[in-house]
């Protein structure tokens, strides 16, 4: 283990796992609570157009993903605010447009097309210094905004109608949230990839909800679970030499499913015990 930790790519991978777990813990809880999973998926898949544009024009693909994610978030938010009932259609259109543009841009490259599987399915072991710095900057931005608007997000999550009555700018909060989702997507691309990003956004938050309902506590527990999932997935993928993103997602989903079933079993057993106790009291 000590020898493995001396490798720079392993150190970068661990730092990436730490940063991604922070944004997952904070934004993932909000996404799950507000039921924005599909919207997050739309933003994530739109970012692939930026990856392709980065390869075509010769700049860092993550920067392109950042630009496309922000544009997708603002576009979805604008259309959602202007019309009702079309959000699913808009998300689907952005989703497919981003993927198709990414394929088109890469196909237009004069040289041999690059291997983009790490952007689609994630490869935490291939994180570069530039990737790490970009992830750090975006993580600091996400954490700062969440801390600054924490009370606004809290009231927006649990009582949006009261927020509107008080005259608070709910649309502004929603747009800020969409931008934060876009930033989070960019942080996660190198960890689990565009295709699997939804799982890491939802699994730690969903697991945390099994243990606590308090918002701040859920965020903290979600960060811990996200870190555990990514580190366990990282070392398993390194040992068996398979794509890290797939292993991380498998570990997170399997753990959530197991804990959920255990909790349901314990709850059912507790109810049966209460029922038997009640019957015994009646008979006695």
C-alpha atoms as a PDB file:
ATOM      1  CA  UNK A   1       0.000   0.000   0.000  1.00  0.00           C
ATOM      2  CA  UNK A   2       2.773   2.463   0.903  1.00  0.00           C
ATOM      3  CA  UNK A   3       4.481   1.835  -2.434  1.00  0.00           C
ATOM      4  CA  UNK A   4       1.248   2.522  -4.335  1.00  0.00           C
ATOM      5  CA  UNK A   5       0.771   5.832  -2.529  1.00  0.00           C
ATOM      6  CA  UNK A   6       4.157   7.066  -3.763  1.00  0.00           C
ATOM      7  CA  UNK A   7       2.923   7.139  -7.358  1.00  0.00           C
ATOM      8  CA  UNK A   8       1.900  10.626  -8.445  1.00  0.00           C
ATOM      9  CA  UNK A   9      -1.105   9.433 -10.449  1.00  0.00           C
ATOM     10  CA  UNK A  10      -2.418   7.664  -7.336  1.00  0.00           C
ATOM     11  CA  UNK A  11      -1.936  10.839  -5.281  1.00  0.00           C
ATOM     12  CA  UNK A  12      -3.781  12.853  -7.921  1.00  0.00           C
ATOM     13  CA  UNK A  13      -6.546  10.252  -7.958  1.00  0.00           C
ATOM     14  CA  UNK A  14      -6.972  10.452  -4.171  1.00  0.00           C
ATOM     15  CA  UNK A  15      -7.097  14.255  -4.284  1.00  0.00           C
ATOM     16  CA  UNK A  16      -9.664  14.030  -7.089  1.00  0.00           C
ATOM     17  CA  UNK A  17     -11.728  11.610  -5.008  1.00  0.00           C
ATOM     18  CA  UNK A  18     -11.647  14.040  -2.084  1.00  0.00           C
ATOM     19  CA  UNK A  19     -12.715  17.017  -4.212  1.00  0.00           C
ATOM     20  CA  UNK A  20     -15.450  15.114  -6.027  1.00  0.00           C
ATOM     21  CA  UNK A  21     -16.867  13.772  -2.760  1.00  0.00           C
ATOM     22  CA  UNK A  22     -17.227  17.318  -1.429  1.00  0.00           C
ATOM     23  CA  UNK A  23     -19.243  18.602  -4.386  1.00  0.00           C
ATOM     24  CA  UNK A  24     -21.259  15.373  -4.518  1.00  0.00           C
ATOM     25  CA  UNK A  25     -22.135  15.659  -0.864  1.00  0.00           C
ATOM     26  CA  UNK A  26     -23.285  19.250  -1.137  1.00  0.00           C
ATOM     27  CA  UNK A  27     -24.994  19.341  -4.527  1.00  0.00           C
ATOM     28  CA  UNK A  28     -26.150  15.715  -4.563  1.00  0.00           C
ATOM     29  CA  UNK A  29     -28.385  16.196  -1.521  1.00  0.00           C
ATOM     30  CA  UNK A  30     -30.058  19.205  -3.157  1.00  0.00           C
ATOM     31  CA  UNK A  31     -30.490  17.341  -6.457  1.00  0.00           C
ATOM     32  CA  UNK A  32     -32.118  14.361  -4.740  1.00  0.00           C
ATOM     33  CA  UNK A  33     -34.353  16.563  -2.563  1.00  0.00           C
ATOM     34  CA  UNK A  34     -35.510  18.734  -5.500  1.00  0.00           C
ATOM     35  CA  UNK A  35     -35.801  15.736  -7.875  1.00  0.00           C
ATOM     36  CA  UNK A  36     -33.385  17.261 -10.400  1.00  0.00           C
ATOM     37  CA  UNK A  37     -31.662  14.014 -11.362  1.00  0.00           C
ATOM     38  CA  UNK A  38     -32.746  14.056 -15.020  1.00  0.00           C
ATOM     39  CA  UNK A  39     -31.913  17.745 -15.366  1.00  0.00           C
ATOM     40  CA  UNK A  40     -28.438  17.004 -14.005  1.00  0.00           C
ATOM     41  CA  UNK A  41     -28.102  14.215 -16.551  1.00  0.00           C
ATOM     42  CA  UNK A  42     -29.069  16.611 -19.328  1.00  0.00           C
ATOM     43  CA  UNK A  43     -26.407  19.108 -18.272  1.00  0.00           C
ATOM     44  CA  UNK A  44     -23.816  16.338 -17.948  1.00  0.00           C
ATOM     45  CA  UNK A  45     -24.430  14.898 -21.406  1.00  0.00           C
ATOM     46  CA  UNK A  46     -24.503  18.351 -23.002  1.00  0.00           C
ATOM     47  CA  UNK A  47     -20.960  18.889 -21.711  1.00  0.00           C
ATOM     48  CA  UNK A  48     -19.721  16.238 -24.144  1.00  0.00           C
ATOM     49  CA  UNK A  49     -20.071  18.808 -26.908  1.00  0.00           C
ATOM     50  CA  UNK A  50     -17.476  20.915 -25.086  1.00  0.00           C
ATOM     51  CA  UNK A  51     -15.145  17.932 -24.776  1.00  0.00           C
ATOM     52  CA  UNK A  52     -15.326  17.407 -28.546  1.00  0.00           C
ATOM     53  CA  UNK A  53     -14.821  21.123 -29.228  1.00  0.00           C
ATOM     54  CA  UNK A  54     -11.752  21.154 -26.989  1.00  0.00           C
ATOM     55  CA  UNK A  55     -10.202  18.304 -28.940  1.00  0.00           C
ATOM     56  CA  UNK A  56     -11.086  19.910 -32.275  1.00  0.00           C
ATOM     57  CA  UNK A  57      -9.660  23.361 -31.446  1.00  0.00           C
ATOM     58  CA  UNK A  58      -6.748  22.092 -29.373  1.00  0.00           C
ATOM     59  CA  UNK A  59      -7.564  23.327 -25.859  1.00  0.00           C
ATOM     60  CA  UNK A  60      -8.254  21.469 -22.603  1.00  0.00           C
ATOM     61  CA  UNK A  61     -11.451  19.391 -23.064  1.00  0.00           C
ATOM     62  CA  UNK A  62     -12.537  20.046 -19.458  1.00  0.00           C
ATOM     63  CA  UNK A  63     -12.615  23.788 -20.233  1.00  0.00           C
ATOM     64  CA  UNK A  64     -14.913  23.033 -23.148  1.00  0.00           C
ATOM     65  CA  UNK A  65     -17.061  20.853 -20.898  1.00  0.00           C
ATOM     66  CA  UNK A  66     -17.215  23.724 -18.414  1.00  0.00           C
ATOM     67  CA  UNK A  67     -18.437  26.167 -21.090  1.00  0.00           C
ATOM     68  CA  UNK A  68     -21.049  23.797 -22.501  1.00  0.00           C
ATOM     69  CA  UNK A  69     -22.295  22.811 -19.029  1.00  0.00           C
ATOM     70  CA  UNK A  70     -22.805  26.443 -18.024  1.00  0.00           C
ATOM     71  CA  UNK A  71     -24.589  27.222 -21.312  1.00  0.00           C
ATOM     72  CA  UNK A  72     -26.803  24.150 -20.885  1.00  0.00           C
ATOM     73  CA  UNK A  73     -27.661  25.084 -17.290  1.00  0.00           C
ATOM     74  CA  UNK A  74     -28.548  28.667 -18.227  1.00  0.00           C
ATOM     75  CA  UNK A  75     -30.470  27.526 -21.319  1.00  0.00           C
ATOM     76  CA  UNK A  76     -32.506  24.934 -19.452  1.00  0.00           C
ATOM     77  CA  UNK A  77     -33.171  27.392 -16.634  1.00  0.00           C
ATOM     78  CA  UNK A  78     -34.255  30.164 -19.016  1.00  0.00           C
ATOM     79  CA  UNK A  79     -36.653  27.977 -20.987  1.00  0.00           C
ATOM     80  CA  UNK A  80     -37.989  26.353 -17.818  1.00  0.00           C
ATOM     81  CA  UNK A  81     -38.754  29.774 -16.335  1.00  0.00           C
ATOM     82  CA  UNK A  82     -40.451  31.002 -19.517  1.00  0.00           C
ATOM     83  CA  UNK A  83     -42.672  27.989 -20.092  1.00  0.00           C
ATOM     84  CA  UNK A  84     -44.263  25.188 -18.131  1.00  0.00           C
ATOM     85  CA  UNK A  85     -44.628  21.559 -19.056  1.00  0.00           C
ATOM     86  CA  UNK A  86     -41.716  21.479 -21.504  1.00  0.00           C
ATOM     87  CA  UNK A  87     -38.792  20.893 -19.158  1.00  0.00           C
ATOM     88  CA  UNK A  88     -38.451  17.188 -20.029  1.00  0.00           C
ATOM     89  CA  UNK A  89     -38.470  18.000 -23.748  1.00  0.00           C
ATOM     90  CA  UNK A  90     -35.848  20.716 -23.302  1.00  0.00           C
ATOM     91  CA  UNK A  91     -33.631  18.440 -21.214  1.00  0.00           C
ATOM     92  CA  UNK A  92     -33.893  15.697 -23.837  1.00  0.00           C
ATOM     93  CA  UNK A  93     -32.994  18.108 -26.632  1.00  0.00           C
ATOM     94  CA  UNK A  94     -29.964  19.514 -24.790  1.00  0.00           C
ATOM     95  CA  UNK A  95     -28.943  15.962 -23.870  1.00  0.00           C
ATOM     96  CA  UNK A  96     -28.951  14.680 -27.454  1.00  0.00           C
ATOM     97  CA  UNK A  97     -27.584  17.931 -28.944  1.00  0.00           C
ATOM     98  CA  UNK A  98     -24.538  17.914 -26.671  1.00  0.00           C
ATOM     99  CA  UNK A  99     -23.716  14.288 -27.400  1.00  0.00           C
ATOM    100  CA  UNK A 100     -24.173  14.724 -31.141  1.00  0.00           C
ATOM    101  CA  UNK A 101     -22.004  17.863 -31.216  1.00  0.00           C
ATOM    102  CA  UNK A 102     -19.264  16.046 -29.319  1.00  0.00           C
ATOM    103  CA  UNK A 103     -19.285  13.203 -31.838  1.00  0.00           C
ATOM    104  CA  UNK A 104     -19.380  15.692 -34.747  1.00  0.00           C
ATOM    105  CA  UNK A 105     -16.466  17.789 -33.454  1.00  0.00           C
ATOM    106  CA  UNK A 106     -14.313  14.733 -32.850  1.00  0.00           C
ATOM    107  CA  UNK A 107     -15.203  13.361 -36.281  1.00  0.00           C
ATOM    108  CA  UNK A 108     -14.069  16.629 -37.905  1.00  0.00           C
ATOM    109  CA  UNK A 109     -10.553  16.341 -36.449  1.00  0.00           C
ATOM    110  CA  UNK A 110      -7.958  16.030 -39.221  1.00  0.00           C
ATOM    111  CA  UNK A 111      -5.809  13.665 -37.193  1.00  0.00           C
ATOM    112  CA  UNK A 112      -6.690  10.238 -35.827  1.00  0.00           C
ATOM    113  CA  UNK A 113      -9.640  10.589 -33.385  1.00  0.00           C
ATOM    114  CA  UNK A 114      -8.549  10.557 -29.707  1.00  0.00           C
ATOM    115  CA  UNK A 115      -9.697   8.034 -27.144  1.00  0.00           C
ATOM    116  CA  UNK A 116     -12.506   9.821 -25.292  1.00  0.00           C
ATOM    117  CA  UNK A 117     -13.579   6.864 -23.153  1.00  0.00           C
ATOM    118  CA  UNK A 118     -12.126   8.467 -20.011  1.00  0.00           C
ATOM    119  CA  UNK A 119     -14.477  11.429 -20.482  1.00  0.00           C
ATOM    120  CA  UNK A 120     -17.462   9.184 -21.145  1.00  0.00           C
ATOM    121  CA  UNK A 121     -16.882   6.526 -18.484  1.00  0.00           C
ATOM    122  CA  UNK A 122     -14.282   8.145 -16.217  1.00  0.00           C
ATOM    123  CA  UNK A 123     -10.706   7.300 -15.362  1.00  0.00           C
ATOM    124  CA  UNK A 124      -9.645   8.794 -12.069  1.00  0.00           C
ATOM    125  CA  UNK A 125      -6.150   7.375 -12.585  1.00  0.00           C
ATOM    126  CA  UNK A 126      -5.577   9.639 -15.603  1.00  0.00           C
ATOM    127  CA  UNK A 127      -6.214  12.971 -13.858  1.00  0.00           C
ATOM    128  CA  UNK A 128      -3.600  15.555 -14.875  1.00  0.00           C
ATOM    129  CA  UNK A 129      -2.214  18.525 -12.943  1.00  0.00           C
ATOM    130  CA  UNK A 130      -4.364  20.905 -14.998  1.00  0.00           C
ATOM    131  CA  UNK A 131      -7.445  18.766 -14.368  1.00  0.00           C
ATOM    132  CA  UNK A 132      -6.731  18.795 -10.649  1.00  0.00           C
ATOM    133  CA  UNK A 133      -6.310  22.567 -10.475  1.00  0.00           C
ATOM    134  CA  UNK A 134      -9.548  23.089 -12.404  1.00  0.00           C
ATOM    135  CA  UNK A 135     -11.371  20.675 -10.091  1.00  0.00           C
ATOM    136  CA  UNK A 136      -9.979  22.492  -7.044  1.00  0.00           C
ATOM    137  CA  UNK A 137     -11.094  25.912  -8.301  1.00  0.00           C
ATOM    138  CA  UNK A 138     -14.594  24.659  -9.140  1.00  0.00           C
ATOM    139  CA  UNK A 139     -14.897  22.889  -5.780  1.00  0.00           C
ATOM    140  CA  UNK A 140     -13.944  26.073  -3.908  1.00  0.00           C
ATOM    141  CA  UNK A 141     -16.560  28.001  -5.906  1.00  0.00           C
ATOM    142  CA  UNK A 142     -19.286  25.416  -5.195  1.00  0.00           C
ATOM    143  CA  UNK A 143     -18.506  25.270  -1.466  1.00  0.00           C
ATOM    144  CA  UNK A 144     -18.356  29.081  -1.166  1.00  0.00           C
ATOM    145  CA  UNK A 145     -21.694  29.584  -2.922  1.00  0.00           C
ATOM    146  CA  UNK A 146     -23.396  26.850  -0.880  1.00  0.00           C
ATOM    147  CA  UNK A 147     -22.161  28.371   2.381  1.00  0.00           C
ATOM    148  CA  UNK A 148     -23.187  31.879   1.337  1.00  0.00           C
ATOM    149  CA  UNK A 149     -26.685  30.885   0.166  1.00  0.00           C
ATOM    150  CA  UNK A 150     -27.204  28.012   2.613  1.00  0.00           C
ATOM    151  CA  UNK A 151     -30.292  29.447   4.313  1.00  0.00           C
ATOM    152  CA  UNK A 152     -31.796  30.407   0.947  1.00  0.00           C
ATOM    153  CA  UNK A 153     -31.241  26.895  -0.398  1.00  0.00           C
ATOM    154  CA  UNK A 154     -32.681  25.399   2.779  1.00  0.00           C
ATOM    155  CA  UNK A 155     -35.897  27.414   2.582  1.00  0.00           C
ATOM    156  CA  UNK A 156     -36.099  26.854  -1.192  1.00  0.00           C
ATOM    157  CA  UNK A 157     -35.877  23.096  -0.699  1.00  0.00           C
ATOM    158  CA  UNK A 158     -38.414  22.673   2.077  1.00  0.00           C
ATOM    159  CA  UNK A 159     -40.807  25.616   1.701  1.00  0.00           C
ATOM    160  CA  UNK A 160     -40.585  27.271  -1.750  1.00  0.00           C
ATOM    161  CA  UNK A 161     -44.140  28.664  -1.504  1.00  0.00           C
ATOM    162  CA  UNK A 162     -43.313  30.539   1.691  1.00  0.00           C
ATOM    163  CA  UNK A 163     -40.162  31.792  -0.006  1.00  0.00           C
ATOM    164  CA  UNK A 164     -42.242  33.232  -2.829  1.00  0.00           C
ATOM    165  CA  UNK A 165     -44.674  34.868  -0.377  1.00  0.00           C
ATOM    166  CA  UNK A 166     -41.750  36.584   1.354  1.00  0.00           C
ATOM    167  CA  UNK A 167     -40.703  37.977  -2.019  1.00  0.00           C
ATOM    168  CA  UNK A 168     -37.433  36.106  -2.195  1.00  0.00           C
ATOM    169  CA  UNK A 169     -35.968  35.675  -5.671  1.00  0.00           C
ATOM    170  CA  UNK A 170     -36.694  31.981  -6.140  1.00  0.00           C
ATOM    171  CA  UNK A 171     -35.798  32.094  -9.843  1.00  0.00           C
ATOM    172  CA  UNK A 172     -32.367  33.468  -9.006  1.00  0.00           C
ATOM    173  CA  UNK A 173     -31.802  30.665  -6.483  1.00  0.00           C
ATOM    174  CA  UNK A 174     -32.904  28.086  -9.068  1.00  0.00           C
ATOM    175  CA  UNK A 175     -30.502  29.496 -11.671  1.00  0.00           C
ATOM    176  CA  UNK A 176     -27.643  29.524  -9.156  1.00  0.00           C
ATOM    177  CA  UNK A 177     -28.434  25.896  -8.358  1.00  0.00           C
ATOM    178  CA  UNK A 178     -28.332  24.955 -12.062  1.00  0.00           C
ATOM    179  CA  UNK A 179     -24.940  26.628 -12.446  1.00  0.00           C
ATOM    180  CA  UNK A 180     -23.649  24.768  -9.380  1.00  0.00           C
ATOM    181  CA  UNK A 181     -24.860  21.504 -10.924  1.00  0.00           C
ATOM    182  CA  UNK A 182     -22.927  22.397 -14.095  1.00  0.00           C
ATOM    183  CA  UNK A 183     -19.754  23.036 -12.080  1.00  0.00           C
ATOM    184  CA  UNK A 184     -20.213  19.780 -10.190  1.00  0.00           C
ATOM    185  CA  UNK A 185     -20.604  17.858 -13.437  1.00  0.00           C
ATOM    186  CA  UNK A 186     -17.251  19.199 -14.653  1.00  0.00           C
ATOM    187  CA  UNK A 187     -15.577  18.134 -11.395  1.00  0.00           C
ATOM    188  CA  UNK A 188     -16.964  14.611 -11.762  1.00  0.00           C
ATOM    189  CA  UNK A 189     -16.230  14.015 -15.444  1.00  0.00           C
ATOM    190  CA  UNK A 190     -12.685  12.742 -14.890  1.00  0.00           C
ATOM    191  CA  UNK A 191     -13.804  10.621 -11.934  1.00  0.00           C
ATOM    192  CA  UNK A 192     -16.805   8.679 -13.270  1.00  0.00           C
ATOM    193  CA  UNK A 193     -17.376  10.131 -16.724  1.00  0.00           C
ATOM    194  CA  UNK A 194     -20.309  11.856 -18.398  1.00  0.00           C
ATOM    195  CA  UNK A 195     -22.380   8.698 -18.785  1.00  0.00           C
ATOM    196  CA  UNK A 196     -22.087   7.647 -15.122  1.00  0.00           C
ATOM    197  CA  UNK A 197     -22.087  11.041 -13.417  1.00  0.00           C
ATOM    198  CA  UNK A 198     -25.743  10.775 -12.355  1.00  0.00           C
ATOM    199  CA  UNK A 199     -24.981   7.752 -10.175  1.00  0.00           C
ATOM    200  CA  UNK A 200     -22.282   9.497  -8.147  1.00  0.00           C
ATOM    201  CA  UNK A 201     -24.464  12.577  -7.800  1.00  0.00           C
ATOM    202  CA  UNK A 202     -27.341  10.577  -6.339  1.00  0.00           C
ATOM    203  CA  UNK A 203     -25.954   7.470  -4.595  1.00  0.00           C
ATOM    204  CA  UNK A 204     -24.037   9.170  -1.717  1.00  0.00           C
ATOM    205  CA  UNK A 205     -26.918  11.588  -1.099  1.00  0.00           C
ATOM    206  CA  UNK A 206     -29.483   8.780  -1.210  1.00  0.00           C
ATOM    207  CA  UNK A 207     -27.372   6.714   1.203  1.00  0.00           C
ATOM    208  CA  UNK A 208     -27.071   9.657   3.597  1.00  0.00           C
ATOM    209  CA  UNK A 209     -30.861  10.069   3.598  1.00  0.00           C
ATOM    210  CA  UNK A 210     -31.143   6.588   5.151  1.00  0.00           C
ATOM    211  CA  UNK A 211     -29.372   7.849   8.279  1.00  0.00           C
ATOM    212  CA  UNK A 212     -30.510  11.449   8.790  1.00  0.00           C
ATOM    213  CA  UNK A 213     -33.062  13.947   7.503  1.00  0.00           C
ATOM    214  CA  UNK A 214     -31.348  17.138   8.680  1.00  0.00           C
ATOM    215  CA  UNK A 215     -29.963  18.993   5.652  1.00  0.00           C
ATOM    216  CA  UNK A 216     -26.522  19.884   7.021  1.00  0.00           C
ATOM    217  CA  UNK A 217     -26.049  16.404   8.490  1.00  0.00           C
ATOM    218  CA  UNK A 218     -27.101  14.783   5.219  1.00  0.00           C
ATOM    219  CA  UNK A 219     -24.537  16.841   3.352  1.00  0.00           C
ATOM    220  CA  UNK A 220     -21.799  15.834   5.768  1.00  0.00           C
ATOM    221  CA  UNK A 221     -22.706  12.137   5.702  1.00  0.00           C
ATOM    222  CA  UNK A 222     -23.028  12.269   1.910  1.00  0.00           C
ATOM    223  CA  UNK A 223     -19.501  13.666   1.630  1.00  0.00           C
ATOM    224  CA  UNK A 224     -18.174  10.788   3.748  1.00  0.00           C
ATOM    225  CA  UNK A 225     -20.001   8.170   1.689  1.00  0.00           C
ATOM    226  CA  UNK A 226     -18.883   9.796  -1.551  1.00  0.00           C
ATOM    227  CA  UNK A 227     -15.262   9.708  -0.388  1.00  0.00           C
ATOM    228  CA  UNK A 228     -15.584   6.087   0.691  1.00  0.00           C
ATOM    229  CA  UNK A 229     -17.165   5.058  -2.615  1.00  0.00           C
ATOM    230  CA  UNK A 230     -14.536   6.772  -4.750  1.00  0.00           C
ATOM    231  CA  UNK A 231     -11.553   5.521  -2.729  1.00  0.00           C
ATOM    232  CA  UNK A 232     -12.803   1.933  -2.586  1.00  0.00           C
ATOM    233  CA  UNK A 233     -13.659   2.022  -6.286  1.00  0.00           C
ATOM    234  CA  UNK A 234     -10.275   3.576  -7.076  1.00  0.00           C
ATOM    235  CA  UNK A 235      -8.228   0.859  -5.396  1.00  0.00           C
ATOM    236  CA  UNK A 236     -10.405  -1.981  -6.695  1.00  0.00           C
ATOM    237  CA  UNK A 237     -10.119  -0.667 -10.258  1.00  0.00           C
ATOM    238  CA  UNK A 238      -6.352  -0.289  -9.843  1.00  0.00           C
ATOM    239  CA  UNK A 239      -6.001  -3.852  -8.598  1.00  0.00           C
ATOM    240  CA  UNK A 240      -8.123  -5.510 -11.296  1.00  0.00           C
ATOM    241  CA  UNK A 241      -7.198  -3.024 -14.046  1.00  0.00           C
ATOM    242  CA  UNK A 242     -10.676  -1.964 -15.174  1.00  0.00           C
ATOM    243  CA  UNK A 243     -12.333   1.413 -15.724  1.00  0.00           C
ATOM    244  CA  UNK A 244     -12.448   3.272 -12.418  1.00  0.00           C
ATOM    245  CA  UNK A 245     -15.711   5.068 -13.142  1.00  0.00           C
ATOM    246  CA  UNK A 246     -17.645   1.839 -13.576  1.00  0.00           C
ATOM    247  CA  UNK A 247     -16.204   0.339 -10.366  1.00  0.00           C
ATOM    248  CA  UNK A 248     -16.935   3.488  -8.338  1.00  0.00           C
ATOM    249  CA  UNK A 249     -20.530   3.548  -9.541  1.00  0.00           C
ATOM    250  CA  UNK A 250     -20.952  -0.187  -8.900  1.00  0.00           C
ATOM    251  CA  UNK A 251     -19.637   0.179  -5.339  1.00  0.00           C
ATOM    252  CA  UNK A 252     -21.886   3.164  -4.635  1.00  0.00           C
ATOM    253  CA  UNK A 253     -25.071   1.630  -6.053  1.00  0.00           C
ATOM    254  CA  UNK A 254     -24.434  -1.788  -4.482  1.00  0.00           C
ATOM    255  CA  UNK A 255     -23.752  -0.241  -1.062  1.00  0.00           C
ATOM    256  CA  UNK A 256     -26.864   1.934  -1.209  1.00  0.00           C
ATOM    257  CA  UNK A 257     -29.044  -1.016  -2.258  1.00  0.00           C
ATOM    258  CA  UNK A 258     -27.624  -3.213   0.510  1.00  0.00           C
ATOM    259  CA  UNK A 259     -28.098  -0.581   3.215  1.00  0.00           C
ATOM    260  CA  UNK A 260     -31.604   0.212   1.967  1.00  0.00           C
ATOM    261  CA  UNK A 261     -32.636  -3.461   2.083  1.00  0.00           C
ATOM    262  CA  UNK A 262     -31.104  -3.897   5.537  1.00  0.00           C
ATOM    263  CA  UNK A 263     -32.984  -0.855   6.817  1.00  0.00           C
ATOM    264  CA  UNK A 264     -36.267  -2.077   5.294  1.00  0.00           C
ATOM    265  CA  UNK A 265     -35.741  -5.520   6.834  1.00  0.00           C
ATOM    266  CA  UNK A 266     -35.052  -4.042  10.265  1.00  0.00           C
ATOM    267  CA  UNK A 267     -38.104  -1.777   9.996  1.00  0.00           C
ATOM    268  CA  UNK A 268     -40.302  -4.714   8.994  1.00  0.00           C
ATOM    269  CA  UNK A 269     -38.963  -6.818  11.868  1.00  0.00           C
ATOM    270  CA  UNK A 270     -39.562  -3.934  14.301  1.00  0.00           C
ATOM    271  CA  UNK A 271     -43.166  -3.555  13.122  1.00  0.00           C
ATOM    272  CA  UNK A 272     -43.748  -7.308  13.438  1.00  0.00           C
ATOM    273  CA  UNK A 273     -42.383  -7.216  16.984  1.00  0.00           C
ATOM    274  CA  UNK A 274     -44.724  -4.347  17.853  1.00  0.00           C
ATOM    275  CA  UNK A 275     -47.657  -6.203  16.311  1.00  0.00           C
ATOM    276  CA  UNK A 276     -46.920  -9.356  18.333  1.00  0.00           C
ATOM    277  CA  UNK A 277     -46.463  -7.331  21.511  1.00  0.00           C
ATOM    278  CA  UNK A 278     -49.796  -5.611  20.882  1.00  0.00           C
ATOM    279  CA  UNK A 279     -51.541  -8.953  20.337  1.00  0.00           C
ATOM    280  CA  UNK A 280     -50.027 -10.395  23.509  1.00  0.00           C
ATOM    281  CA  UNK A 281     -51.266  -7.394  25.500  1.00  0.00           C
ATOM    282  CA  UNK A 282     -54.796  -7.840  24.124  1.00  0.00           C
ATOM    283  CA  UNK A 283     -54.824 -11.579  24.867  1.00  0.00           C
ATOM    284  CA  UNK A 284     -53.514 -11.070  28.383  1.00  0.00           C
END
